[in-house]
Protein backbone atom coordinates (compact mmCIF):
# COMPACT_ATOMS: atom_id res chain seq x y z
CA VAL A 1 53.70 -6.30 11.02
CA LEU A 2 50.77 -4.86 12.13
CA ARG A 3 51.12 -1.83 10.08
CA ILE A 4 51.28 -3.91 7.05
CA GLU A 5 48.47 -5.84 7.94
CA GLN A 6 46.44 -2.70 8.21
CA GLN A 7 47.44 -1.22 5.01
CA LEU A 8 46.82 -4.58 3.26
CA VAL A 9 43.09 -4.43 4.15
CA GLU A 10 42.75 -0.79 3.35
CA GLN A 11 44.36 -1.12 0.22
CA ASN A 12 42.47 -3.74 -0.66
CA ALA A 13 39.05 -3.22 1.01
CA THR A 14 36.94 -4.21 -2.05
CA ALA A 15 38.53 -7.19 -2.77
CA LEU A 16 38.58 -8.34 0.62
CA ASP A 17 34.79 -7.73 1.02
CA ARG A 18 34.41 -9.78 -2.15
CA ILE A 19 36.55 -12.33 -1.06
CA LEU A 20 34.50 -12.23 2.35
CA GLU A 21 31.22 -12.36 0.88
CA GLU A 22 32.34 -16.11 -0.96
CA ALA A 23 34.06 -17.06 2.11
CA ALA A 24 31.00 -16.72 4.65
CA PRO A 25 28.98 -19.96 3.34
CA MET A 26 32.34 -21.88 4.02
CA ASP A 27 32.56 -24.78 6.91
CA ARG A 28 34.02 -23.20 10.01
CA ASP A 29 36.32 -26.16 10.14
CA ALA A 30 37.09 -25.99 6.55
CA LEU A 31 38.04 -22.45 6.89
CA ALA A 32 40.19 -22.85 9.96
CA ALA A 33 42.09 -25.31 7.79
CA GLN A 34 42.34 -23.07 4.98
CA ILE A 35 43.77 -20.41 6.97
CA VAL A 36 46.47 -22.63 8.26
CA ALA A 37 47.59 -23.53 4.58
CA LEU A 38 47.42 -20.30 3.80
CA ASP A 39 49.82 -19.00 6.64
CA ALA A 40 52.00 -21.86 5.59
CA ASP A 41 52.37 -20.54 1.77
CA ILE A 42 52.73 -17.12 2.94
CA THR A 43 55.68 -18.32 5.13
CA ASP A 44 57.24 -20.04 2.36
CA LEU A 45 56.83 -16.92 0.06
CA ASP A 46 58.11 -14.54 2.07
CA GLN A 47 61.12 -16.71 2.88
CA ALA A 48 61.38 -17.16 -1.06
CA ARG A 49 60.85 -13.32 -1.36
CA GLU A 50 63.89 -12.85 0.80
CA GLN A 51 66.40 -15.24 -1.08
CA LEU A 52 65.36 -13.21 -4.24
CA ALA A 53 66.46 -10.19 -2.56
CA GLN A 54 69.55 -11.36 -1.66
CA LYS A 55 70.17 -12.73 -4.90
CA LEU A 56 69.32 -9.66 -6.51
CA ARG A 57 71.63 -7.62 -4.58
CA VAL A 58 74.39 -10.18 -5.32
CA VAL A 59 74.05 -9.52 -8.79
CA GLU A 60 73.97 -5.61 -8.52
CA LEU A 61 77.63 -5.79 -6.67
CA GLU A 62 78.73 -8.31 -9.83
CA ARG A 63 77.02 -5.93 -12.05
CA ASP A 64 79.20 -3.01 -10.41
CA ALA A 65 82.36 -5.27 -10.06
CA VAL A 66 82.72 -5.74 -13.73
CA ASP A 67 83.05 -3.30 -16.83
CA GLY A 68 80.97 -2.57 -19.64
CA SER A 69 81.60 -5.78 -21.05
CA SER A 70 79.34 -8.76 -21.97
CA LYS A 71 79.60 -10.00 -18.19
CA ALA A 72 77.78 -6.59 -17.41
CA ALA A 73 75.49 -7.32 -19.81
CA GLU A 74 74.44 -10.73 -18.53
CA ALA A 75 74.68 -9.63 -14.91
CA ALA A 76 72.08 -7.06 -15.68
CA GLN A 77 69.97 -9.34 -17.52
CA ARG A 78 70.28 -11.75 -14.44
CA ALA A 79 69.16 -9.07 -12.14
CA GLN A 80 65.85 -8.30 -14.10
CA GLU A 81 64.92 -11.75 -14.38
CA LEU A 82 65.63 -11.76 -10.62
CA LEU A 83 63.73 -8.64 -9.89
CA ALA A 84 60.62 -9.85 -11.97
CA LYS A 85 60.79 -12.86 -9.71
CA LEU A 86 60.90 -10.73 -6.53
CA LYS A 87 57.70 -8.75 -7.82
CA SER A 88 55.76 -11.79 -8.67
CA ALA A 89 56.49 -13.45 -5.05
CA SER A 90 55.58 -10.01 -3.55
CA ALA A 91 52.31 -10.11 -5.22
CA ASP A 92 51.40 -13.32 -4.37
CA TYR A 93 52.33 -12.61 -0.84
CA VAL A 94 49.84 -9.99 -0.89
CA ARG A 95 47.06 -12.29 -2.46
CA LEU A 96 47.43 -14.49 -0.23
CA LYS A 97 47.75 -12.56 3.14
CA ALA A 98 44.76 -10.71 1.95
CA SER A 99 42.53 -13.94 1.53
CA SER A 100 43.92 -15.25 4.86
CA LEU A 101 42.72 -12.30 6.34
CA ALA A 102 39.62 -12.58 4.73
CA ILE A 103 39.00 -16.00 5.44
CA ALA A 104 40.01 -15.21 9.32
CA ARG A 105 36.85 -12.27 9.12
CA ALA A 106 34.54 -14.74 7.83
CA VAL A 107 35.64 -17.34 10.77
CA ASP A 108 35.32 -14.91 13.33
CA ALA A 109 31.69 -13.29 12.09
CA TYR A 110 30.71 -17.14 11.64
CA ARG A 111 31.43 -17.96 15.46
CA GLU A 112 29.99 -14.24 16.39
CA LYS A 113 26.68 -15.20 15.14
CA HIS A 114 26.19 -18.85 15.74
CA GLN A 115 28.19 -19.28 19.06
CA GLY A 116 28.55 -15.73 20.51
CA PRO A 117 24.95 -14.93 22.07
CA MET A 118 25.01 -18.71 23.80
CA LEU A 119 28.79 -18.37 24.96
CA ARG A 120 28.25 -14.65 26.20
CA ARG A 121 25.14 -16.26 28.49
CA ALA A 122 27.00 -18.99 29.74
CA GLY A 123 29.73 -16.70 30.52
CA GLU A 124 27.62 -14.40 32.62
CA TYR A 125 26.31 -17.74 34.23
CA PHE A 126 30.13 -18.39 34.86
CA ALA A 127 30.79 -15.45 36.26
CA LEU A 128 27.52 -15.70 38.69
CA LEU A 129 28.25 -18.91 39.74
CA THR A 130 32.23 -18.33 40.69
CA ARG A 131 30.77 -14.92 42.28
CA GLY A 132 33.35 -12.88 40.21
CA SER A 133 36.05 -15.27 40.13
CA PHE A 134 35.72 -15.56 36.44
CA SER A 135 34.70 -12.55 34.33
CA ARG A 136 33.24 -14.46 31.29
CA LEU A 137 34.02 -17.13 28.90
CA ASP A 138 36.13 -17.37 25.48
CA VAL A 139 37.34 -19.26 22.93
CA ASP A 140 40.83 -20.21 22.24
CA PHE A 141 43.06 -22.38 20.14
CA GLU A 142 45.19 -25.28 20.26
CA GLY A 143 46.67 -25.85 16.91
CA ASP A 144 43.71 -25.79 15.08
CA GLU A 145 41.42 -26.95 17.45
CA GLN A 146 39.10 -24.72 19.58
CA VAL A 147 39.11 -24.65 23.17
CA LEU A 148 36.94 -23.46 25.60
CA VAL A 149 38.56 -21.01 28.20
CA GLY A 150 37.26 -18.93 31.31
CA ARG A 151 38.77 -15.51 31.47
CA ARG A 152 40.07 -14.39 35.07
CA GLY A 153 41.71 -10.79 35.08
CA ASP A 154 44.16 -10.89 32.23
CA ASP A 155 44.44 -14.83 31.94
CA LEU A 156 42.82 -17.52 30.36
CA VAL A 157 42.23 -20.44 32.32
CA ARG A 158 41.55 -23.78 30.27
CA VAL A 159 39.21 -26.50 31.94
CA GLY A 160 42.31 -28.91 32.93
CA GLY A 161 43.62 -25.94 34.93
CA MET A 162 40.16 -25.03 36.90
CA SER A 163 39.83 -26.89 39.88
CA GLU A 164 37.17 -29.51 40.35
CA GLY A 165 34.40 -27.28 41.67
CA THR A 166 35.00 -24.86 39.22
CA ALA A 167 34.54 -27.13 36.41
CA ASP A 168 31.56 -28.25 37.77
CA GLN A 169 30.22 -24.58 37.70
CA LEU A 170 31.77 -23.79 34.57
CA TYR A 171 29.62 -27.23 32.92
CA LEU A 172 26.48 -25.75 35.03
CA ALA A 173 26.65 -22.41 33.18
CA LEU A 174 26.93 -24.27 29.79
CA ARG A 175 24.00 -26.22 31.09
CA LEU A 176 22.10 -23.32 31.85
CA ALA A 177 22.64 -21.25 28.77
CA ALA A 178 21.77 -24.23 26.57
CA ILE A 179 18.36 -24.69 28.64
CA GLU A 180 17.53 -20.67 27.91
CA ARG A 181 18.22 -21.12 24.20
CA HIS A 182 15.88 -23.92 23.91
CA LEU A 183 12.96 -22.19 26.06
CA GLU A 184 13.53 -19.38 23.01
CA ASN A 185 12.43 -21.61 20.52
CA GLY A 186 10.56 -24.42 22.14
CA PRO A 187 8.07 -25.21 24.94
CA PRO A 188 8.95 -24.90 28.33
CA VAL A 189 10.32 -28.37 30.07
CA PRO A 190 11.21 -29.48 34.07
CA VAL A 191 14.67 -28.87 34.61
CA ILE A 192 15.76 -31.81 36.89
CA VAL A 193 19.41 -31.26 38.31
CA ASP A 194 20.67 -34.63 41.09
CA ASP A 195 23.07 -32.96 43.76
CA ILE A 196 24.87 -30.93 41.07
CA LEU A 197 25.94 -28.76 44.26
CA VAL A 198 28.35 -31.22 45.89
CA GLN A 199 31.72 -29.17 45.13
CA PHE A 200 29.98 -25.90 45.54
CA ASP A 201 31.14 -24.04 48.56
CA ASP A 202 28.14 -22.10 50.08
CA GLU A 203 28.82 -18.95 48.76
CA ARG A 204 28.63 -20.34 45.13
CA ALA A 205 25.61 -22.86 46.07
CA GLY A 206 24.05 -19.47 46.65
CA ALA A 207 24.73 -18.08 43.66
CA ALA A 208 23.74 -21.01 42.12
CA PHE A 209 20.21 -21.05 43.76
CA GLU A 210 19.89 -17.42 42.04
CA ALA A 211 20.77 -19.10 38.85
CA PHE A 212 17.82 -21.42 39.50
CA SER A 213 15.69 -18.66 40.84
CA SER A 214 15.86 -16.98 37.65
CA LEU A 215 15.59 -19.66 35.51
CA ALA A 216 12.36 -20.48 37.26
CA GLY A 217 10.68 -17.74 35.96
CA ARG A 218 10.49 -19.67 32.93
CA THR A 219 10.28 -23.21 33.68
CA GLN A 220 10.29 -25.73 36.75
CA VAL A 221 13.45 -26.40 38.27
CA LEU A 222 13.81 -29.62 40.57
CA LEU A 223 16.60 -29.91 42.62
CA PHE A 224 17.63 -33.51 44.26
CA THR A 225 19.84 -33.35 47.35
CA HIS A 226 20.54 -35.19 50.54
CA HIS A 227 22.65 -32.41 51.97
CA GLU A 228 20.46 -30.83 54.55
CA HIS A 229 22.95 -27.58 54.75
CA LEU A 230 21.59 -26.73 51.25
CA LEU A 231 18.10 -26.15 52.49
CA SER A 232 19.52 -23.13 54.58
CA ILE A 233 21.24 -21.73 51.47
CA ALA A 234 18.27 -22.36 49.22
CA GLU A 235 15.89 -20.44 51.83
CA SER A 236 18.04 -17.62 52.26
CA THR A 237 18.54 -17.25 48.62
CA VAL A 238 15.43 -18.12 46.93
CA GLY A 239 11.68 -15.95 47.77
CA PRO A 240 9.37 -17.90 49.74
CA THR A 241 6.78 -17.67 46.81
CA GLU A 242 9.39 -19.67 44.74
CA LEU A 243 10.49 -22.22 47.11
CA ARG A 244 8.85 -25.52 47.35
CA VAL A 245 10.52 -28.01 49.76
CA HIS A 246 9.81 -31.86 49.95
CA ARG A 247 10.77 -34.49 52.08
CA LEU A 248 10.92 -38.07 51.10
CA LYS A 249 12.29 -40.88 53.42
CA ASN A 250 14.61 -38.13 54.77
CA THR A 251 15.74 -36.86 51.93
CA ALA A 252 15.38 -33.08 50.84
CA ILE A 253 14.05 -32.28 47.72
CA ALA A 254 13.83 -28.26 46.86
CA SER A 255 11.86 -27.54 43.97
């Protein structure tokens, strides 16, 4: 199947590029739905093609079994008609398969352009916050719906399959990546987090402070916490010139 698809792409390169240009401006959700419809059409056409091929074979056997009478001529005519239908179905199959491949390329290009940079950065933060337990973030599909997954080795783990602490680290990674994206195009604004490290163990809490320290080079980060042990982790992770600790009524605030 992969070889057939490669041949389709190679043999229809010009047409695919033209289709790709036409498909690129389309809405991503509409493109995804159209891919599903095209795949269904392709499946139906493929089945029809197989049925026609079987009928053609039957007619050919019938033709071989009769003599040179009018039955042979009728069988030959039927064979030609079925052959014409088979060619038409094959042409439709090639056209729809090429369109499906082109639209899939357009969806991938759109996702790479608009989601790629932020997803990659969030994946880098996620790898840091999980201390390498996860290597990056990816997008997978559940039917027509896109879902965010973490890559751990060769496995893709959905949010529902993550521990509560890992899920918190995922949300923090997404938040930090979104903040960086905002800072690229807008003015710096303070980042305030309130006891977001409750579900983090000490090692991953240290990774979080590393991430906050990196972000603090671009804007102010305020962390509110009532967990005293986080202060020692912050002090051992963040440089003394970057860390300021303020206490309010026995509640520690690291900034």
